[in-house]
Protein backbone atom coordinates (compact mmCIF):
# COMPACT_ATOMS: atom_id res chain seq x y z
CA UNK A 1 112.85 68.15 -63.73
CA UNK A 2 111.62 70.92 -60.71
CA UNK A 3 110.09 68.86 -57.47
CA UNK A 4 106.88 69.02 -56.06
CA UNK A 5 108.82 70.80 -53.04
CA UNK A 6 109.41 73.64 -55.37
CA UNK A 7 108.52 77.01 -54.21
CA UNK A 8 108.87 79.32 -56.92
CA UNK A 9 106.76 82.47 -56.38
CA UNK A 10 106.69 82.05 -52.20
CA UNK A 11 104.26 85.06 -51.66
CA UNK A 12 101.41 83.89 -54.00
CA UNK A 13 97.86 82.22 -53.39
CA UNK A 14 96.86 79.84 -56.48
CA UNK A 15 93.22 82.06 -57.08
CA UNK A 16 95.00 85.86 -56.45
CA UNK A 17 94.52 86.67 -60.06
CA UNK A 18 98.22 87.34 -60.56
CA UNK A 19 100.72 85.40 -62.73
CA UNK A 20 104.24 85.86 -61.08
CA UNK A 21 106.67 87.19 -63.14
CA UNK A 22 109.83 85.78 -61.79
CA UNK A 23 113.38 86.72 -63.39
CA UNK A 24 117.28 87.12 -63.11
CA UNK A 25 118.40 90.70 -64.35
CA UNK A 26 122.03 91.63 -64.79
CA UNK A 27 123.59 88.03 -63.17
CA UNK A 28 126.39 85.65 -63.61
CA UNK A 29 126.50 81.85 -63.65
CA UNK A 30 127.03 81.69 -59.91
CA UNK A 31 124.03 83.88 -59.26
CA UNK A 32 122.02 81.89 -61.15
CA UNK A 33 123.11 79.01 -59.69
CA UNK A 34 122.33 80.16 -56.81
CA UNK A 35 118.83 81.10 -57.50
CA UNK A 36 117.94 77.59 -58.60
CA UNK A 37 119.46 76.12 -56.09
CA UNK A 38 117.24 77.82 -53.64
CA UNK A 39 114.38 77.44 -55.53
CA UNK A 40 113.19 74.57 -53.24
CA UNK A 41 113.43 76.65 -49.63
CA UNK A 42 111.85 79.78 -51.17
CA UNK A 43 114.28 81.38 -50.23
CA UNK A 44 115.17 83.18 -53.58
CA UNK A 45 113.36 85.87 -53.22
CA UNK A 46 115.98 87.10 -51.03
CA UNK A 47 118.67 87.40 -53.59
CA UNK A 48 119.57 90.51 -55.81
CA UNK A 49 120.04 88.92 -58.80
CA UNK A 50 115.85 87.42 -59.28
CA UNK A 51 113.10 90.20 -59.57
CA UNK A 52 109.61 89.40 -59.14
CA UNK A 53 106.55 91.27 -59.99
CA UNK A 54 102.56 90.40 -59.10
CA UNK A 55 100.88 91.25 -63.22
CA UNK A 56 97.81 90.40 -64.42
CA UNK A 57 99.01 90.81 -68.18
CA UNK A 58 103.00 91.05 -69.37
CA UNK A 59 104.29 91.10 -72.79
CA UNK A 60 107.78 90.15 -73.91
CA UNK A 61 108.93 92.02 -76.89
CA UNK A 62 112.37 91.65 -78.43
CA UNK A 63 114.49 94.93 -78.79
CA UNK A 64 116.87 93.80 -80.85
CA UNK A 65 115.58 92.06 -83.94
CA UNK A 66 118.68 91.71 -85.89
CA UNK A 67 119.50 88.52 -83.25
CA UNK A 68 116.68 86.58 -84.47
CA UNK A 69 118.20 83.13 -85.02
CA UNK A 70 121.02 83.80 -83.15
CA UNK A 71 119.19 84.35 -79.43
CA UNK A 72 117.28 82.33 -76.89
CA UNK A 73 114.20 82.77 -75.17
CA UNK A 74 112.73 80.73 -72.70
CA UNK A 75 109.55 80.45 -70.81
CA UNK A 76 109.27 77.85 -67.97
CA UNK A 77 113.11 76.43 -69.54
CA UNK A 78 111.25 75.92 -72.66
CA UNK A 79 112.86 77.00 -75.98
CA UNK A 80 110.33 79.31 -77.66
CA UNK A 81 110.39 81.47 -80.98
CA UNK A 82 112.26 85.42 -80.17
CA UNK A 83 109.34 87.07 -81.23
CA UNK A 84 106.24 89.30 -79.18
CA UNK A 85 104.74 86.80 -77.33
CA UNK A 86 101.96 88.05 -74.91
CA UNK A 87 100.76 86.34 -71.48
CA UNK A 88 97.40 87.47 -69.90
CA UNK A 89 95.68 85.49 -66.75
CA UNK A 90 92.45 84.79 -67.54
CA UNK A 91 91.19 84.76 -63.93
CA UNK A 92 88.47 82.33 -62.84
CA UNK A 93 88.68 81.18 -66.65
CA UNK A 94 87.73 77.70 -66.02
CA UNK A 95 85.60 75.94 -62.59
CA UNK A 96 86.34 72.05 -62.06
CA UNK A 97 84.63 69.97 -59.86
CA UNK A 98 86.24 66.94 -58.78
CA UNK A 99 84.32 64.16 -57.15
C-alpha cells in the first residue's frame, strides 16, 4: 500500500498535461529497495537506477515475443498481459465540480 505521503513524481503538477513515466533500469535488488524506501521523501529521483520522463503518451512493446507467458509486466504494481500497451494522457478530458 502506498501512503498518502508518497511522492512518486516530485517535479510534476496535477494539471500539467503530462504523464510522468518513471522506471527502474539496470537495478539490483538493493537499488530497487532503496528506490521504494525513498518514495515518501521524493528523493528517489536522485538515484542512478531511476529514470523519469515527462510524456503525453507512451507505448510498451515487448521485444521478446518468445517469452510470452514466462515474463511479467507490471503497471502501477498490477500484473498485466505481456503484450503491447499504449497509454495516452487525455488532458482536460473530464471536468469535475464538487459542492
